[in-house]
Protein backbone atom coordinates (compact mmCIF):
# COMPACT_ATOMS: atom_id res chain seq x y z
CA MET A 1 144.68 108.88 43.54
CA THR A 2 145.93 112.00 45.09
CA SER A 3 147.09 112.45 48.60
CA ASP A 4 143.94 114.45 49.38
CA SER A 5 141.68 111.52 48.49
CA ILE A 6 143.73 109.13 50.67
CA ILE A 7 143.41 111.46 53.61
CA ASN A 8 139.70 111.76 53.02
CA ILE A 9 139.19 107.97 52.81
CA ASP A 10 141.27 107.37 55.93
CA PHE A 11 139.44 110.18 57.67
CA PHE A 12 136.04 108.68 56.79
CA ARG A 13 137.19 105.20 57.85
CA THR A 14 138.32 106.59 61.18
CA ILE A 15 135.04 108.46 61.65
CA LEU A 16 133.08 105.33 60.68
CA SER A 17 135.12 103.20 63.13
CA VAL A 18 134.52 105.68 65.93
CA ILE A 19 130.77 105.74 65.22
CA ILE A 20 130.55 101.93 65.09
CA GLY A 21 132.55 101.66 68.33
CA GLY A 22 130.26 104.21 69.95
CA VAL A 23 127.13 102.35 68.85
CA ILE A 24 128.54 99.07 70.19
CA SER A 25 129.47 100.72 73.50
CA LEU A 26 126.07 102.42 73.79
CA THR A 27 124.29 99.16 73.01
CA SER A 28 126.23 97.26 75.65
CA VAL A 29 125.59 99.98 78.24
CA LEU A 30 121.87 99.95 77.41
CA LEU A 31 121.73 96.15 77.67
CA ILE A 32 123.45 96.23 81.05
CA GLU A 33 121.03 98.92 82.30
CA LEU A 34 118.06 96.95 80.97
CA ARG A 35 119.20 93.82 82.81
CA LYS A 36 119.86 95.82 85.95
CA SER A 37 116.43 97.46 85.72
CA LYS A 38 114.73 94.08 85.28
CA LYS A 39 116.67 92.64 88.23
CA ASP A 40 115.74 95.65 90.41
CA LYS A 41 112.08 95.26 89.47
CA THR A 42 112.17 91.55 90.35
CA GLU A 43 113.82 92.35 93.69
CA ARG A 44 111.15 94.98 94.45
CA GLN A 45 108.43 92.50 93.58
CA LYS A 46 109.99 89.83 95.80
CA ALA A 47 110.24 92.29 98.70
CA LEU A 48 106.61 93.31 98.20
CA TYR A 49 105.61 89.65 98.06
CA ALA A 50 107.43 88.91 101.32
CA LYS A 51 105.86 91.91 103.10
CA LEU A 52 102.41 91.03 101.80
CA ILE A 53 102.53 87.39 102.88
CA GLY A 54 104.15 88.32 106.22
CA THR A 55 101.38 90.82 106.92
CA LEU A 56 98.72 88.28 106.00
CA ASN A 57 100.27 85.69 108.30
CA SER A 58 100.32 88.27 111.11
CA LEU A 59 96.67 89.09 110.47
CA ARG A 60 95.79 85.40 110.56
CA ARG A 61 97.53 84.93 113.91
CA ILE A 62 95.91 88.06 115.34
CA GLU A 63 92.45 86.93 114.17
CA LYS A 64 92.97 83.54 115.80
CA THR A 65 94.23 85.12 119.03
CA CYS A 66 91.31 87.52 119.06
CA ILE A 67 88.84 84.64 118.72
CA GLN A 68 90.57 82.64 121.45
CA ASP A 69 90.69 85.59 123.84
CA ASP A 70 87.05 86.40 123.16
CA MET A 71 86.19 82.80 123.97
CA GLY A 72 88.38 82.96 127.08
CA TYR A 73 86.57 86.10 128.17
CA ALA A 74 83.14 84.48 127.69
CA TYR A 75 84.24 81.33 129.51
CA ASN A 76 85.77 83.10 132.50
CA ARG A 77 82.89 85.56 132.72
CA GLN A 78 80.42 82.67 132.93
CA CYS A 79 82.67 80.91 135.49
CA PHE A 80 82.58 84.09 137.57
CA GLU A 81 78.77 84.29 137.26
CA MET A 82 78.47 80.69 138.43
CA THR A 83 81.09 80.62 141.20
CA LYS A 84 81.68 84.30 142.11
CA ASP A 85 85.37 83.40 142.10
CA ASP A 86 87.64 86.45 141.96
CA ILE A 87 90.24 84.58 139.90
CA SER A 88 87.69 83.99 137.14
CA LYS A 89 86.82 87.67 137.17
CA ARG A 90 90.49 88.65 136.78
CA GLN A 91 90.94 86.06 134.03
CA ALA A 92 87.91 87.46 132.20
CA GLU A 93 89.34 90.98 132.46
CA TYR A 94 92.70 89.70 131.25
CA HIS A 95 91.17 88.05 128.18
CA LEU A 96 89.04 91.11 127.47
CA GLN A 97 92.14 93.33 127.56
CA ARG A 98 94.09 90.93 125.31
CA ARG A 99 91.21 90.83 122.85
CA ASN A 100 91.01 94.63 122.78
CA ASP A 101 94.78 94.86 122.23
CA ALA A 102 94.51 92.31 119.43
CA ILE A 103 91.78 94.37 117.77
CA LEU A 104 93.99 97.48 117.87
CA ASN A 105 96.91 95.49 116.47
CA MET A 106 94.62 94.03 113.82
CA ASN A 107 93.55 97.50 112.70
CA SER A 108 97.19 98.52 112.32
CA LYS A 109 98.01 95.37 110.30
CA ALA A 110 94.87 95.84 108.16
CA GLU A 111 96.05 99.35 107.24
CA GLU A 112 99.47 97.94 106.34
CA PHE A 113 97.78 95.22 104.27
CA ASP A 114 95.69 97.82 102.40
CA SER A 115 98.83 99.81 101.65
CA LEU A 116 100.61 96.71 100.35
CA CYS A 117 97.61 95.86 98.15
CA ILE A 118 97.88 99.30 96.57
CA GLN A 119 101.62 98.80 96.02
CA TYR A 120 100.88 95.40 94.49
CA GLU A 121 98.39 96.93 92.07
CA LEU A 122 100.89 99.62 91.10
CA GLU A 123 103.61 97.01 90.54
CA TYR A 124 101.56 94.35 88.74
CA GLY A 125 98.53 96.26 87.45
CA THR A 126 94.95 95.11 87.81
CA ASP A 127 94.76 91.46 88.86
CA THR A 128 91.35 89.81 89.27
CA VAL A 129 92.61 86.76 91.21
CA PHE A 130 94.49 88.94 93.68
CA ASP A 131 91.53 91.33 94.04
CA LYS A 132 89.08 88.48 94.64
CA VAL A 133 91.20 86.80 97.32
CA THR A 134 92.02 90.05 99.13
CA GLN A 135 88.34 91.01 99.18
CA GLU A 136 87.51 87.60 100.67
CA LEU A 137 90.11 88.19 103.37
CA LYS A 138 88.98 91.75 104.09
CA ASN A 139 85.35 90.67 104.34
CA TRP A 140 85.80 87.25 105.87
CA PRO A 141 82.73 85.93 107.69
CA ARG A 142 83.86 86.19 111.28
CA PRO A 143 82.23 83.65 113.54
CA LYS A 144 79.50 84.88 115.83
CA LYS A 145 80.54 85.53 119.39
CA ILE A 146 79.72 82.63 121.61
CA ARG A 147 78.37 83.34 125.04
CA TYR A 148 77.63 80.76 127.70
CA PHE A 149 74.71 82.34 129.52
CA GLU A 150 72.55 79.22 129.09
CA VAL A 151 75.16 76.89 130.63
CA VAL A 152 74.44 75.98 134.25
CA SER A 153 77.22 73.57 135.30
CA LEU A 154 80.99 73.87 135.21
CA ASP A 155 81.39 70.47 133.53
CA GLU A 156 79.03 71.48 130.75
CA LEU A 157 80.79 74.85 130.45
CA ASN A 158 84.22 73.20 130.21
CA LYS A 159 83.07 70.76 127.50
CA LYS A 160 81.27 73.44 125.50
CA TYR A 161 84.24 75.82 125.78
CA GLU A 162 86.72 73.16 124.64
CA ASN A 163 84.57 72.14 121.64
CA ASP A 164 83.79 75.72 120.62
CA THR A 165 87.41 76.83 120.89
CA LYS A 166 88.62 74.01 118.66
CA LYS A 167 85.83 74.54 116.15
CA LEU A 168 86.28 78.31 115.83
CA SER A 169 90.08 78.18 115.82
CA ASN A 170 90.04 75.55 113.07
CA TYR A 171 87.46 77.54 111.09
CA ALA A 172 89.59 80.70 111.20
CA GLN A 173 92.81 78.81 110.45
CA GLU A 174 91.35 76.95 107.47
CA TYR A 175 89.69 80.05 106.01
CA TRP A 176 92.86 82.13 106.16
CA ASP A 177 95.21 79.31 105.15
CA LYS A 178 93.26 78.58 101.98
CA ARG A 179 93.30 82.21 100.83
CA ILE A 180 96.92 82.82 101.77
CA LYS A 181 98.03 79.70 99.89
CA THR A 182 96.07 80.87 96.85
CA LEU A 183 97.85 84.24 96.99
CA ILE A 184 101.26 82.65 97.50
CA THR A 185 100.80 80.42 94.46
CA HIS A 186 99.42 83.27 92.36
CA ILE A 187 102.21 85.71 93.21
CA LYS A 188 104.93 83.08 92.74
CA ASP A 189 103.56 82.41 89.26
CA LYS A 190 103.74 86.14 88.51
CA LEU A 191 107.37 86.29 89.68
CA LYS A 192 108.44 83.60 87.21
């Protein structure tokens, strides 16, 4: 062997070592970035999940408050019609204002919920379970407004109001709870 061939072999070994080292370094950098990207995606999904469930819980509370204030308005309005008591009139106005405020707040939360549903679809893709449950929530069968025009005594009004309030509050709570729990379970399964 000549000195030229030794230099060439050493040169090629050095080049080969540098290339192998570069490939190993590039591979490790890519693996770290891939893990980081996956972790970031999981964190984004968890944040979206928390916002979505928080918004749904807010909507549930607002719906329940709206029902209760509507019932309070109907009750106090009928009390005023029966007794001509100014306090009942003010209470009816108070409940009417609270109900109207709740409706405005509900509209704001519904827009936020719609936005989060779009984000969810972008993050997870089309999801039939999620779509079904959110449609049930968006189109939930609200109870009919109860009015007490046919009630003639305060005792009867008080009993009817108490029974109706419990019944409608429980109906709203159960309807929303069932759907929210379904979504919570479904999204948690997707996060695994």
